[in-house]
Amino acid sequence: MMLSFLAKLCIERNCGRLEWWCLDWNTPSIGFYKKMGAVAMDEWTVYRVAGDALVKLAEKFDE
């Protein structure tokens, strides 16, 4: 239901796509998403900056 709502919102706002993340070991969810027509974007890698690294990155803005 939630994904249906988001898809409708995307169409209304003229968005070209709907994207989300799923852990690669979560096979039940992956199967569910594929049945909806979702395609895995295997060539993409998610990066995260957190903790001290986030603080250091933010400090570079003030330099």
PDB file of N, CA and C in Angstrom:
ATOM      1  N   MET A   1       0.828  -1.186   0.000  1.00  0.00           N
ATOM      2  CA  MET A   1       0.000   0.000   0.000  1.00  0.00           C
ATOM      3  C   MET A   1       0.878   1.257   0.000  1.00  0.00           C
ATOM      4  N   MET A   2       1.927   1.263   0.830  1.00  0.00           N
ATOM      5  CA  MET A   2       2.789   2.424   0.906  1.00  0.00           C
ATOM      6  C   MET A   2       3.492   2.677  -0.436  1.00  0.00           C
ATOM      7  N   LEU A   3       4.012   1.624  -1.051  1.00  0.00           N
ATOM      8  CA  LEU A   3       4.701   1.783  -2.330  1.00  0.00           C
ATOM      9  C   LEU A   3       3.727   2.224  -3.426  1.00  0.00           C
ATOM     10  N   SER A   4       2.507   1.744  -3.373  1.00  0.00           N
ATOM     11  CA  SER A   4       1.470   2.179  -4.322  1.00  0.00           C
ATOM     12  C   SER A   4       1.205   3.674  -4.176  1.00  0.00           C
ATOM     13  N   PHE A   5       1.103   4.130  -2.933  1.00  0.00           N
ATOM     14  CA  PHE A   5       0.889   5.549  -2.667  1.00  0.00           C
ATOM     15  C   PHE A   5       2.062   6.371  -3.205  1.00  0.00           C
ATOM     16  N   LEU A   6       3.288   5.909  -2.932  1.00  0.00           N
ATOM     17  CA  LEU A   6       4.468   6.631  -3.405  1.00  0.00           C
ATOM     18  C   LEU A   6       4.539   6.657  -4.930  1.00  0.00           C
ATOM     19  N   ALA A   7       4.159   5.547  -5.571  1.00  0.00           N
ATOM     20  CA  ALA A   7       4.141   5.497  -7.034  1.00  0.00           C
ATOM     21  C   ALA A   7       3.138   6.516  -7.583  1.00  0.00           C
ATOM     22  N   LYS A   8       1.977   6.592  -6.969  1.00  0.00           N
ATOM     23  CA  LYS A   8       0.962   7.563  -7.400  1.00  0.00           C
ATOM     24  C   LYS A   8       1.484   8.985  -7.236  1.00  0.00           C
ATOM     25  N   LEU A   9       2.143   9.251  -6.121  1.00  0.00           N
ATOM     26  CA  LEU A   9       2.717  10.566  -5.865  1.00  0.00           C
ATOM     27  C   LEU A   9       3.789  10.905  -6.910  1.00  0.00           C
ATOM     28  N   CYS A  10       4.598   9.923  -7.266  1.00  0.00           N
ATOM     29  CA  CYS A  10       5.623  10.122  -8.304  1.00  0.00           C
ATOM     30  C   CYS A  10       4.986  10.516  -9.627  1.00  0.00           C
ATOM     31  N   ILE A  11       3.922   9.817 -10.004  1.00  0.00           N
ATOM     32  CA  ILE A  11       3.226  10.115 -11.255  1.00  0.00           C
ATOM     33  C   ILE A  11       2.636  11.524 -11.207  1.00  0.00           C
ATOM     34  N   GLU A  12       1.982  11.861 -10.094  1.00  0.00           N
ATOM     35  CA  GLU A  12       1.369  13.182  -9.952  1.00  0.00           C
ATOM     36  C   GLU A  12       2.407  14.302 -10.037  1.00  0.00           C
ATOM     37  N   ARG A  13       3.614  14.041  -9.527  1.00  0.00           N
ATOM     38  CA  ARG A  13       4.665  15.068  -9.499  1.00  0.00           C
ATOM     39  C   ARG A  13       5.609  14.978 -10.697  1.00  0.00           C
ATOM     40  N   ASN A  14       5.245  14.119 -11.644  1.00  0.00           N
ATOM     41  CA  ASN A  14       6.017  13.964 -12.871  1.00  0.00           C
ATOM     42  C   ASN A  14       7.461  13.501 -12.620  1.00  0.00           C
ATOM     43  N   CYS A  15       7.622  12.619 -11.649  1.00  0.00           N
ATOM     44  CA  CYS A  15       8.943  12.038 -11.361  1.00  0.00           C
ATOM     45  C   CYS A  15       9.203  10.913 -12.360  1.00  0.00           C
ATOM     46  N   GLY A  16      10.438  10.706 -12.683  1.00  0.00           N
ATOM     47  CA  GLY A  16      10.789   9.668 -13.641  1.00  0.00           C
ATOM     48  C   GLY A  16      10.933   8.292 -13.045  1.00  0.00           C
ATOM     49  N   ARG A  17      11.054   8.223 -11.723  1.00  0.00           N
ATOM     50  CA  ARG A  17      11.278   6.914 -11.091  1.00  0.00           C
ATOM     51  C   ARG A  17      11.047   6.993  -9.583  1.00  0.00           C
ATOM     52  N   LEU A  18      11.003   5.818  -8.975  1.00  0.00           N
ATOM     53  CA  LEU A  18      10.912   5.644  -7.524  1.00  0.00           C
ATOM     54  C   LEU A  18      12.043   4.701  -7.136  1.00  0.00           C
ATOM     55  N   GLU A  19      12.870   5.102  -6.193  1.00  0.00           N
ATOM     56  CA  GLU A  19      14.003   4.271  -5.781  1.00  0.00           C
ATOM     57  C   GLU A  19      14.005   4.082  -4.271  1.00  0.00           C
ATOM     58  N   TRP A  20      14.546   2.953  -3.826  1.00  0.00           N
ATOM     59  CA  TRP A  20      14.721   2.669  -2.406  1.00  0.00           C
ATOM     60  C   TRP A  20      15.853   1.680  -2.258  1.00  0.00           C
ATOM     61  N   TRP A  21      16.267   1.436  -1.039  1.00  0.00           N
ATOM     62  CA  TRP A  21      17.358   0.509  -0.744  1.00  0.00           C
ATOM     63  C   TRP A  21      16.816  -0.728  -0.053  1.00  0.00           C
ATOM     64  N   CYS A  22      17.524  -1.830  -0.276  1.00  0.00           N
ATOM     65  CA  CYS A  22      17.193  -3.102   0.365  1.00  0.00           C
ATOM     66  C   CYS A  22      18.502  -3.846   0.607  1.00  0.00           C
ATOM     67  N   LEU A  23      18.665  -4.386   1.787  1.00  0.00           N
ATOM     68  CA  LEU A  23      19.873  -5.156   2.085  1.00  0.00           C
ATOM     69  C   LEU A  23      19.940  -6.394   1.199  1.00  0.00           C
ATOM     70  N   ASP A  24      21.141  -6.719   0.710  1.00  0.00           N
ATOM     71  CA  ASP A  24      21.278  -7.807  -0.265  1.00  0.00           C
ATOM     72  C   ASP A  24      20.948  -9.186   0.291  1.00  0.00           C
ATOM     73  N   TRP A  25      20.902  -9.337   1.608  1.00  0.00           N
ATOM     74  CA  TRP A  25      20.565 -10.642   2.200  1.00  0.00           C
ATOM     75  C   TRP A  25      19.058 -10.791   2.446  1.00  0.00           C
ATOM     76  N   ASN A  26      18.291  -9.741   2.209  1.00  0.00           N
ATOM     77  CA  ASN A  26      16.851  -9.757   2.488  1.00  0.00           C
ATOM     78  C   ASN A  26      16.084 -10.336   1.293  1.00  0.00           C
ATOM     79  N   THR A  27      16.267 -11.627   1.075  1.00  0.00           N
ATOM     80  CA  THR A  27      15.691 -12.282  -0.101  1.00  0.00           C
ATOM     81  C   THR A  27      14.161 -12.240  -0.167  1.00  0.00           C
ATOM     82  N   PRO A  28      13.431 -12.321   0.950  1.00  0.00           N
ATOM     83  CA  PRO A  28      11.965 -12.205   0.827  1.00  0.00           C
ATOM     84  C   PRO A  28      11.548 -10.848   0.256  1.00  0.00           C
ATOM     85  N   SER A  29      12.179  -9.786   0.727  1.00  0.00           N
ATOM     86  CA  SER A  29      11.848  -8.453   0.208  1.00  0.00           C
ATOM     87  C   SER A  29      12.267  -8.306  -1.249  1.00  0.00           C
ATOM     88  N   ILE A  30      13.434  -8.814  -1.587  1.00  0.00           N
ATOM     89  CA  ILE A  30      13.916  -8.739  -2.967  1.00  0.00           C
ATOM     90  C   ILE A  30      12.924  -9.423  -3.897  1.00  0.00           C
ATOM     91  N   GLY A  31      12.448 -10.604  -3.510  1.00  0.00           N
ATOM     92  CA  GLY A  31      11.456 -11.317  -4.312  1.00  0.00           C
ATOM     93  C   GLY A  31      10.167 -10.524  -4.459  1.00  0.00           C
ATOM     94  N   PHE A  32       9.723  -9.914  -3.369  1.00  0.00           N
ATOM     95  CA  PHE A  32       8.515  -9.089  -3.372  1.00  0.00           C
ATOM     96  C   PHE A  32       8.676  -7.913  -4.331  1.00  0.00           C
ATOM     97  N   TYR A  33       9.814  -7.222  -4.246  1.00  0.00           N
ATOM     98  CA  TYR A  33      10.055  -6.060  -5.106  1.00  0.00           C
ATOM     99  C   TYR A  33      10.138  -6.459  -6.573  1.00  0.00           C
ATOM    100  N   LYS A  34      10.781  -7.583  -6.855  1.00  0.00           N
ATOM    101  CA  LYS A  34      10.902  -8.028  -8.244  1.00  0.00           C
ATOM    102  C   LYS A  34       9.536  -8.369  -8.834  1.00  0.00           C
ATOM    103  N   LYS A  35       8.650  -8.929  -8.012  1.00  0.00           N
ATOM    104  CA  LYS A  35       7.294  -9.239  -8.497  1.00  0.00           C
ATOM    105  C   LYS A  35       6.540  -7.973  -8.885  1.00  0.00           C
ATOM    106  N   MET A  36       6.900  -6.836  -8.263  1.00  0.00           N
ATOM    107  CA  MET A  36       6.281  -5.551  -8.595  1.00  0.00           C
ATOM    108  C   MET A  36       6.851  -4.965  -9.877  1.00  0.00           C
ATOM    109  N   GLY A  37       7.951  -5.527 -10.341  1.00  0.00           N
ATOM    110  CA  GLY A  37       8.609  -4.982 -11.528  1.00  0.00           C
ATOM    111  C   GLY A  37       9.847  -4.168 -11.211  1.00  0.00           C
ATOM    112  N   ALA A  38      10.263  -4.150  -9.938  1.00  0.00           N
ATOM    113  CA  ALA A  38      11.462  -3.417  -9.545  1.00  0.00           C
ATOM    114  C   ALA A  38      12.703  -4.119 -10.101  1.00  0.00           C
ATOM    115  N   VAL A  39      13.698  -3.326 -10.436  1.00  0.00           N
ATOM    116  CA  VAL A  39      14.943  -3.841 -10.991  1.00  0.00           C
ATOM    117  C   VAL A  39      16.083  -3.422 -10.082  1.00  0.00           C
ATOM    118  N   ALA A  40      16.937  -4.370  -9.707  1.00  0.00           N
ATOM    119  CA  ALA A  40      18.095  -4.068  -8.858  1.00  0.00           C
ATOM    120  C   ALA A  40      19.111  -3.249  -9.649  1.00  0.00           C
ATOM    121  N   MET A  41      19.657  -2.255  -9.025  1.00  0.00           N
ATOM    122  CA  MET A  41      20.658  -1.397  -9.649  1.00  0.00           C
ATOM    123  C   MET A  41      22.037  -1.846  -9.154  1.00  0.00           C
ATOM    124  N   ASP A  42      22.469  -3.000  -9.610  1.00  0.00           N
ATOM    125  CA  ASP A  42      23.675  -3.634  -9.093  1.00  0.00           C
ATOM    126  C   ASP A  42      24.952  -2.827  -9.310  1.00  0.00           C
ATOM    127  N   GLU A  43      24.964  -1.961 -10.291  1.00  0.00           N
ATOM    128  CA  GLU A  43      26.179  -1.213 -10.576  1.00  0.00           C
ATOM    129  C   GLU A  43      26.377  -0.028  -9.624  1.00  0.00           C
ATOM    130  N   TRP A  44      25.403   0.240  -8.751  1.00  0.00           N
ATOM    131  CA  TRP A  44      25.499   1.337  -7.802  1.00  0.00           C
ATOM    132  C   TRP A  44      25.956   0.845  -6.445  1.00  0.00           C
ATOM    133  N   THR A  45      26.703   1.680  -5.739  1.00  0.00           N
ATOM    134  CA  THR A  45      27.143   1.387  -4.381  1.00  0.00           C
ATOM    135  C   THR A  45      26.727   2.546  -3.490  1.00  0.00           C
ATOM    136  N   VAL A  46      26.151   2.239  -2.348  1.00  0.00           N
ATOM    137  CA  VAL A  46      25.733   3.268  -1.400  1.00  0.00           C
ATOM    138  C   VAL A  46      26.924   3.603  -0.498  1.00  0.00           C
ATOM    139  N   TYR A  47      27.177   4.880  -0.321  1.00  0.00           N
ATOM    140  CA  TYR A  47      28.238   5.336   0.577  1.00  0.00           C
ATOM    141  C   TYR A  47      27.617   6.108   1.726  1.00  0.00           C
ATOM    142  N   ARG A  48      28.278   6.040   2.882  1.00  0.00           N
ATOM    143  CA  ARG A  48      27.771   6.725   4.065  1.00  0.00           C
ATOM    144  C   ARG A  48      28.932   7.411   4.773  1.00  0.00           C
ATOM    145  N   VAL A  49      28.681   8.611   5.236  1.00  0.00           N
ATOM    146  CA  VAL A  49      29.630   9.332   6.081  1.00  0.00           C
ATOM    147  C   VAL A  49      28.913   9.573   7.403  1.00  0.00           C
ATOM    148  N   ALA A  50      29.540   9.156   8.512  1.00  0.00           N
ATOM    149  CA  ALA A  50      28.912   9.277   9.827  1.00  0.00           C
ATOM    150  C   ALA A  50      29.975   9.525  10.892  1.00  0.00           C
ATOM    151  N   GLY A  51      29.515   9.884  12.069  1.00  0.00           N
ATOM    152  CA  GLY A  51      30.410  10.037  13.221  1.00  0.00           C
ATOM    153  C   GLY A  51      31.486  11.084  12.997  1.00  0.00           C
ATOM    154  N   ASP A  52      32.725  10.751  13.393  1.00  0.00           N
ATOM    155  CA  ASP A  52      33.847  11.684  13.273  1.00  0.00           C
ATOM    156  C   ASP A  52      34.095  12.099  11.832  1.00  0.00           C
ATOM    157  N   ALA A  53      33.932  11.177  10.903  1.00  0.00           N
ATOM    158  CA  ALA A  53      34.149  11.501   9.491  1.00  0.00           C
ATOM    159  C   ALA A  53      33.142  12.555   9.021  1.00  0.00           C
ATOM    160  N   LEU A  54      31.922  12.481   9.511  1.00  0.00           N
ATOM    161  CA  LEU A  54      30.904  13.477   9.161  1.00  0.00           C
ATOM    162  C   LEU A  54      31.285  14.845   9.714  1.00  0.00           C
ATOM    163  N   VAL A  55      31.759  14.865  10.949  1.00  0.00           N
ATOM    164  CA  VAL A  55      32.176  16.126  11.568  1.00  0.00           C
ATOM    165  C   VAL A  55      33.344  16.731  10.792  1.00  0.00           C
ATOM    166  N   LYS A  56      34.341  15.896  10.456  1.00  0.00           N
ATOM    167  CA  LYS A  56      35.499  16.386   9.704  1.00  0.00           C
ATOM    168  C   LYS A  56      35.092  16.920   8.335  1.00  0.00           C
ATOM    169  N   LEU A  57      34.172  16.259   7.677  1.00  0.00           N
ATOM    170  CA  LEU A  57      33.704  16.711   6.377  1.00  0.00           C
ATOM    171  C   LEU A  57      32.987  18.052   6.495  1.00  0.00           C
ATOM    172  N   ALA A  58      32.178  18.210   7.533  1.00  0.00           N
ATOM    173  CA  ALA A  58      31.445  19.457   7.753  1.00  0.00           C
ATOM    174  C   ALA A  58      32.417  20.589   8.046  1.00  0.00           C
ATOM    175  N   GLU A  59      33.485  20.313   8.769  1.00  0.00           N
ATOM    176  CA  GLU A  59      34.475  21.339   9.107  1.00  0.00           C
ATOM    177  C   GLU A  59      35.186  21.874   7.868  1.00  0.00           C
ATOM    178  N   LYS A  60      35.320  21.060   6.829  1.00  0.00           N
ATOM    179  CA  LYS A  60      35.975  21.498   5.597  1.00  0.00           C
ATOM    180  C   LYS A  60      35.209  22.642   4.935  1.00  0.00           C
ATOM    181  N   PHE A  61      33.903  22.713   5.170  1.00  0.00           N
ATOM    182  CA  PHE A  61      33.085  23.778   4.593  1.00  0.00           C
ATOM    183  C   PHE A  61      33.519  25.146   5.120  1.00  0.00           C
ATOM    184  N   ASP A  62      33.959  25.193   6.381  1.00  0.00           N
ATOM    185  CA  ASP A  62      34.337  26.447   7.016  1.00  0.00           C
ATOM    186  C   ASP A  62      35.772  26.865   6.714  1.00  0.00           C
ATOM    187  N   GLU A  63      36.539  26.022   6.046  1.00  0.00           N
ATOM    188  CA  GLU A  63      37.941  26.339   5.765  1.00  0.00           C
ATOM    189  C   GLU A  63      38.101  27.410   4.722  1.00  0.00           C
TER     190      GLU A  63
END
